[in-house]
Amino acid sequence: MSIEGGNYRRIRNFVDRECAKECIEDFSCFGYEWNSEEKICYLKSRSTSGKLIAKPNTMVGFCQDDEDEVRYRLQDHVIVGPIVMEADDVPDGEECKENCRKVGALYYSWRPNSDNQRSNVVPVEEEEDDEEQEVLGHCECISTMNELRLEYDAFSGFIPIPKHKHRRSILLRPFEI
């Protein structure tokens, strides 16, 4: 498997574990791609956007860390794939994640309703007594990742597995070619 685009560094003569370690140690790394035949490691930038495609002798991994909020959630990205459940007017991504966990989805994507997007909001001076307005959005629970799409003000993520199965990296190997 491969994710189209997003390569920012290529490292030759690496094995898969070295490639994963290199990604985890580089904060700007979102994921990696490793080709076992050529022994080449490609690091993917945090603004990766592309479809997952079949590529011989290649695997993709994502640098995830249960204890690092920035690396655990894919800011300004949506995950595209078969939708298990969706809901409108969900107050935030954490509630979206919890709803998706309940239906057994592996991934979630949340995007604010078009009238609530931060990039469309003009800052207004607020009085101290005013409470912050709740931002409602659209939640999608996804069973299989087919594509990552850069979309500002949205975020997606992986549904965490139980704590006793800690993971530092998620590998996608649905099939060998």
C-alpha atoms as a PDB file:
ATOM      1  CA  MET A   1       0.000   0.000   0.000  1.00  0.00           C
ATOM      2  CA  SER A   2       1.018   3.563  -0.602  1.00  0.00           C
ATOM      3  CA  ILE A   3      -0.411   7.017   0.032  1.00  0.00           C
ATOM      4  CA  GLU A   4      -0.022   9.233  -2.999  1.00  0.00           C
ATOM      5  CA  GLY A   5       2.075  12.331  -2.333  1.00  0.00           C
ATOM      6  CA  GLY A   6       3.349  13.917   0.847  1.00  0.00           C
ATOM      7  CA  ASN A   7       6.945  12.597   0.612  1.00  0.00           C
ATOM      8  CA  TYR A   8       9.455  15.002   2.102  1.00  0.00           C
ATOM      9  CA  ARG A   9      12.452  12.747   2.700  1.00  0.00           C
ATOM     10  CA  ARG A  10      13.828   9.542   1.181  1.00  0.00           C
ATOM     11  CA  ILE A  11      16.253   7.310   3.079  1.00  0.00           C
ATOM     12  CA  ARG A  12      18.017   4.383   1.395  1.00  0.00           C
ATOM     13  CA  ASN A  13      19.079   1.030   2.891  1.00  0.00           C
ATOM     14  CA  PHE A  14      16.570   1.012   5.765  1.00  0.00           C
ATOM     15  CA  VAL A  15      14.542  -1.847   7.169  1.00  0.00           C
ATOM     16  CA  ASP A  16      10.890  -1.315   8.126  1.00  0.00           C
ATOM     17  CA  ARG A  17      11.525  -0.835  11.874  1.00  0.00           C
ATOM     18  CA  GLU A  18      14.226   1.760  11.210  1.00  0.00           C
ATOM     19  CA  CYS A  19      11.818   3.605   8.927  1.00  0.00           C
ATOM     20  CA  ALA A  20       9.121   3.635  11.628  1.00  0.00           C
ATOM     21  CA  LYS A  21      11.623   4.812  14.243  1.00  0.00           C
ATOM     22  CA  GLU A  22      12.862   7.607  11.988  1.00  0.00           C
ATOM     23  CA  CYS A  23       9.278   8.824  11.529  1.00  0.00           C
ATOM     24  CA  ILE A  24       8.472   8.709  15.242  1.00  0.00           C
ATOM     25  CA  GLU A  25      11.600  10.696  16.094  1.00  0.00           C
ATOM     26  CA  ASP A  26      10.826  13.408  13.498  1.00  0.00           C
ATOM     27  CA  PHE A  27       7.970  15.583  14.768  1.00  0.00           C
ATOM     28  CA  SER A  28       7.095  16.766  11.261  1.00  0.00           C
ATOM     29  CA  CYS A  29       6.532  13.161  10.133  1.00  0.00           C
ATOM     30  CA  PHE A  30       2.917  12.069   9.788  1.00  0.00           C
ATOM     31  CA  GLY A  31       3.567   8.609   8.392  1.00  0.00           C
ATOM     32  CA  TYR A  32       5.982   6.583   6.367  1.00  0.00           C
ATOM     33  CA  GLU A  33       6.137   4.257   3.410  1.00  0.00           C
ATOM     34  CA  TRP A  34       8.688   1.464   3.149  1.00  0.00           C
ATOM     35  CA  ASN A  35       9.515  -0.578   0.078  1.00  0.00           C
ATOM     36  CA  SER A  36      10.956  -3.962   1.077  1.00  0.00           C
ATOM     37  CA  GLU A  37      12.477  -4.744  -2.316  1.00  0.00           C
ATOM     38  CA  GLU A  38      14.318  -1.435  -2.744  1.00  0.00           C
ATOM     39  CA  LYS A  39      14.827  -0.931   1.031  1.00  0.00           C
ATOM     40  CA  ILE A  40      13.776   2.706   0.701  1.00  0.00           C
ATOM     41  CA  CYS A  41      11.972   4.651   3.402  1.00  0.00           C
ATOM     42  CA  TYR A  42       9.816   7.667   2.478  1.00  0.00           C
ATOM     43  CA  LEU A  43       8.716  10.019   5.248  1.00  0.00           C
ATOM     44  CA  LYS A  44       5.306  11.664   4.766  1.00  0.00           C
ATOM     45  CA  SER A  45       4.625  15.242   5.803  1.00  0.00           C
ATOM     46  CA  ARG A  46       1.908  16.325   8.239  1.00  0.00           C
ATOM     47  CA  SER A  47      -0.062  17.755   5.307  1.00  0.00           C
ATOM     48  CA  THR A  48      -0.416  14.477   3.441  1.00  0.00           C
ATOM     49  CA  SER A  49      -3.383  14.268   1.112  1.00  0.00           C
ATOM     50  CA  GLY A  50      -3.933  11.341  -1.215  1.00  0.00           C
ATOM     51  CA  LYS A  51      -5.528   8.010  -1.946  1.00  0.00           C
ATOM     52  CA  LEU A  52      -4.252   4.718  -0.623  1.00  0.00           C
ATOM     53  CA  ILE A  53      -3.180   2.654  -3.602  1.00  0.00           C
ATOM     54  CA  ALA A  54      -1.768  -0.820  -4.109  1.00  0.00           C
ATOM     55  CA  LYS A  55       1.997  -0.755  -4.608  1.00  0.00           C
ATOM     56  CA  PRO A  56       4.135  -3.911  -4.817  1.00  0.00           C
ATOM     57  CA  ASN A  57       6.382  -4.700  -1.826  1.00  0.00           C
ATOM     58  CA  THR A  58       5.308  -1.520  -0.018  1.00  0.00           C
ATOM     59  CA  MET A  59       3.682  -0.847   3.317  1.00  0.00           C
ATOM     60  CA  VAL A  60       2.434   2.323   4.978  1.00  0.00           C
ATOM     61  CA  GLY A  61       2.608   3.208   8.646  1.00  0.00           C
ATOM     62  CA  PHE A  62       1.321   6.166  10.636  1.00  0.00           C
ATOM     63  CA  CYS A  63       3.251   7.714  13.496  1.00  0.00           C
ATOM     64  CA  GLN A  64       0.717   7.589  16.275  1.00  0.00           C
ATOM     65  CA  ASP A  65       1.289   7.964  19.987  1.00  0.00           C
ATOM     66  CA  ASP A  66      -1.552   7.503  22.491  1.00  0.00           C
ATOM     67  CA  GLU A  67       0.116   9.983  24.822  1.00  0.00           C
ATOM     68  CA  ASP A  68       0.723  12.767  22.305  1.00  0.00           C
ATOM     69  CA  GLU A  69      -2.476  14.662  21.419  1.00  0.00           C
ATOM     70  CA  VAL A  70      -0.905  16.298  18.362  1.00  0.00           C
ATOM     71  CA  ARG A  71       0.168  12.986  16.855  1.00  0.00           C
ATOM     72  CA  TYR A  72      -2.968  11.111  17.809  1.00  0.00           C
ATOM     73  CA  ARG A  73      -5.414  13.334  15.979  1.00  0.00           C
ATOM     74  CA  LEU A  74      -5.063  14.261  12.323  1.00  0.00           C
ATOM     75  CA  GLN A  75      -5.623  18.023  12.413  1.00  0.00           C
ATOM     76  CA  ASP A  76      -6.976  19.581   9.191  1.00  0.00           C
ATOM     77  CA  HIS A  77      -7.529  16.149   7.601  1.00  0.00           C
ATOM     78  CA  VAL A  78     -10.522  13.930   6.924  1.00  0.00           C
ATOM     79  CA  ILE A  79     -10.333  10.185   6.483  1.00  0.00           C
ATOM     80  CA  VAL A  80     -12.383   8.966   3.538  1.00  0.00           C
ATOM     81  CA  GLY A  81     -13.797   5.449   3.358  1.00  0.00           C
ATOM     82  CA  PRO A  82     -16.929   3.343   3.887  1.00  0.00           C
ATOM     83  CA  ILE A  83     -19.164   5.081   6.437  1.00  0.00           C
ATOM     84  CA  VAL A  84     -20.513   2.909   9.258  1.00  0.00           C
ATOM     85  CA  MET A  85     -22.513   5.730  10.841  1.00  0.00           C
ATOM     86  CA  GLU A  86     -22.804   9.493  10.450  1.00  0.00           C
ATOM     87  CA  ALA A  87     -24.421  12.259  12.453  1.00  0.00           C
ATOM     88  CA  ASP A  88     -25.056  15.976  12.081  1.00  0.00           C
ATOM     89  CA  ASP A  89     -24.738  18.680  14.718  1.00  0.00           C
ATOM     90  CA  VAL A  90     -22.148  16.836  16.802  1.00  0.00           C
ATOM     91  CA  PRO A  91     -20.572  19.364  19.188  1.00  0.00           C
ATOM     92  CA  ASP A  92     -16.940  18.295  18.815  1.00  0.00           C
ATOM     93  CA  GLY A  93     -14.529  15.669  17.597  1.00  0.00           C
ATOM     94  CA  GLU A  94     -14.199  13.968  20.965  1.00  0.00           C
ATOM     95  CA  GLU A  95     -17.918  13.196  20.997  1.00  0.00           C
ATOM     96  CA  CYS A  96     -17.607  12.034  17.384  1.00  0.00           C
ATOM     97  CA  LYS A  97     -14.778   9.676  18.396  1.00  0.00           C
ATOM     98  CA  GLU A  98     -16.800   8.276  21.312  1.00  0.00           C
ATOM     99  CA  ASN A  99     -19.858   7.678  19.097  1.00  0.00           C
ATOM    100  CA  CYS A 100     -17.689   5.900  16.528  1.00  0.00           C
ATOM    101  CA  ARG A 101     -16.040   3.766  19.207  1.00  0.00           C
ATOM    102  CA  LYS A 102     -19.517   2.523  20.262  1.00  0.00           C
ATOM    103  CA  VAL A 103     -20.322   1.267  16.745  1.00  0.00           C
ATOM    104  CA  GLY A 104     -16.937  -0.436  16.323  1.00  0.00           C
ATOM    105  CA  ALA A 105     -15.522   1.925  13.683  1.00  0.00           C
ATOM    106  CA  LEU A 106     -11.749   2.092  13.283  1.00  0.00           C
ATOM    107  CA  TYR A 107     -11.561   5.762  12.226  1.00  0.00           C
ATOM    108  CA  TYR A 108     -13.545   8.961  12.617  1.00  0.00           C
ATOM    109  CA  SER A 109     -13.733  12.309  10.824  1.00  0.00           C
ATOM    110  CA  TRP A 110     -15.339  15.488  12.112  1.00  0.00           C
ATOM    111  CA  ARG A 111     -15.746  18.752  10.247  1.00  0.00           C
ATOM    112  CA  PRO A 112     -17.528  21.892  11.435  1.00  0.00           C
ATOM    113  CA  ASN A 113     -20.738  22.943   9.724  1.00  0.00           C
ATOM    114  CA  SER A 114     -19.886  25.421   6.958  1.00  0.00           C
ATOM    115  CA  ASP A 115     -21.196  28.399   8.953  1.00  0.00           C
ATOM    116  CA  ASN A 116     -18.934  27.488  11.921  1.00  0.00           C
ATOM    117  CA  GLN A 117     -15.578  27.042  10.216  1.00  0.00           C
ATOM    118  CA  ARG A 118     -12.809  28.953  11.973  1.00  0.00           C
ATOM    119  CA  SER A 119     -11.398  30.174   8.690  1.00  0.00           C
ATOM    120  CA  ASN A 120     -14.734  31.907   7.914  1.00  0.00           C
ATOM    121  CA  VAL A 121     -15.143  33.535  11.313  1.00  0.00           C
ATOM    122  CA  VAL A 122     -14.167  37.169  11.762  1.00  0.00           C
ATOM    123  CA  PRO A 123     -12.884  37.738  15.318  1.00  0.00           C
ATOM    124  CA  VAL A 124     -15.155  39.944  17.413  1.00  0.00           C
ATOM    125  CA  GLU A 125     -14.250  41.412  20.769  1.00  0.00           C
ATOM    126  CA  GLU A 126     -16.219  39.551  23.415  1.00  0.00           C
ATOM    127  CA  GLU A 127     -17.281  40.628  26.850  1.00  0.00           C
ATOM    128  CA  GLU A 128     -15.925  38.565  29.719  1.00  0.00           C
ATOM    129  CA  ASP A 129     -19.393  37.275  30.646  1.00  0.00           C
ATOM    130  CA  ASP A 130     -20.039  35.777  27.210  1.00  0.00           C
ATOM    131  CA  GLU A 131     -19.456  32.041  26.897  1.00  0.00           C
ATOM    132  CA  GLU A 132     -17.727  30.570  23.896  1.00  0.00           C
ATOM    133  CA  GLN A 133     -20.230  29.385  21.314  1.00  0.00           C
ATOM    134  CA  GLU A 134     -20.434  25.673  20.698  1.00  0.00           C
ATOM    135  CA  VAL A 135     -19.244  24.637  17.236  1.00  0.00           C
ATOM    136  CA  LEU A 136     -21.441  21.960  15.705  1.00  0.00           C
ATOM    137  CA  GLY A 137     -20.237  19.683  12.954  1.00  0.00           C
ATOM    138  CA  HIS A 138     -20.702  16.545  10.888  1.00  0.00           C
ATOM    139  CA  CYS A 139     -19.301  13.254  12.212  1.00  0.00           C
ATOM    140  CA  GLU A 140     -18.493  10.182  10.113  1.00  0.00           C
ATOM    141  CA  CYS A 141     -17.518   6.788  11.535  1.00  0.00           C
ATOM    142  CA  ILE A 142     -15.381   4.920   9.003  1.00  0.00           C
ATOM    143  CA  SER A 143     -14.537   1.227   8.746  1.00  0.00           C
ATOM    144  CA  THR A 144     -11.647   1.295   6.242  1.00  0.00           C
ATOM    145  CA  MET A 145      -9.297   4.110   5.284  1.00  0.00           C
ATOM    146  CA  ASN A 146      -9.265   4.654   1.519  1.00  0.00           C
ATOM    147  CA  GLU A 147      -7.955   8.199   1.376  1.00  0.00           C
ATOM    148  CA  LEU A 148      -6.672  11.082   3.471  1.00  0.00           C
ATOM    149  CA  ARG A 149      -7.849  14.485   2.406  1.00  0.00           C
ATOM    150  CA  LEU A 150      -6.502  17.819   3.591  1.00  0.00           C
ATOM    151  CA  GLU A 151      -9.482  19.904   4.760  1.00  0.00           C
ATOM    152  CA  TYR A 152      -8.960  22.898   7.006  1.00  0.00           C
ATOM    153  CA  ASP A 153     -10.839  23.128  10.326  1.00  0.00           C
ATOM    154  CA  ALA A 154     -11.640  19.402  10.239  1.00  0.00           C
ATOM    155  CA  PHE A 155      -9.935  16.610  12.084  1.00  0.00           C
ATOM    156  CA  SER A 156      -9.908  12.856  12.052  1.00  0.00           C
ATOM    157  CA  GLY A 157      -8.296  10.115  14.003  1.00  0.00           C
ATOM    158  CA  PHE A 158      -7.808   6.496  14.802  1.00  0.00           C
ATOM    159  CA  ILE A 159     -10.096   4.933  17.391  1.00  0.00           C
ATOM    160  CA  PRO A 160      -7.744   3.982  20.217  1.00  0.00           C
ATOM    161  CA  ILE A 161      -7.290   0.357  21.088  1.00  0.00           C
ATOM    162  CA  PRO A 162      -7.333  -0.672  24.781  1.00  0.00           C
ATOM    163  CA  LYS A 163      -4.386   0.653  26.791  1.00  0.00           C
ATOM    164  CA  HIS A 164      -2.880  -2.795  27.360  1.00  0.00           C
ATOM    165  CA  LYS A 165      -2.123  -2.943  23.629  1.00  0.00           C
ATOM    166  CA  HIS A 166      -0.038   0.231  23.370  1.00  0.00           C
ATOM    167  CA  ARG A 167       1.093   1.108  19.890  1.00  0.00           C
ATOM    168  CA  ARG A 168       3.686   3.530  18.642  1.00  0.00           C
ATOM    169  CA  SER A 169       2.955   2.954  14.990  1.00  0.00           C
ATOM    170  CA  ILE A 170       0.064   1.559  12.981  1.00  0.00           C
ATOM    171  CA  LEU A 171       0.925  -0.504   9.926  1.00  0.00           C
ATOM    172  CA  LEU A 172      -1.388  -1.055   7.000  1.00  0.00           C
ATOM    173  CA  ARG A 173      -0.771  -4.358   5.238  1.00  0.00           C
ATOM    174  CA  PRO A 174      -4.167  -5.401   3.854  1.00  0.00           C
ATOM    175  CA  PHE A 175      -2.588  -7.569   1.183  1.00  0.00           C
ATOM    176  CA  GLU A 176       0.740  -8.354  -0.428  1.00  0.00           C
ATOM    177  CA  ILE A 177       1.168  -7.936  -4.159  1.00  0.00           C
END
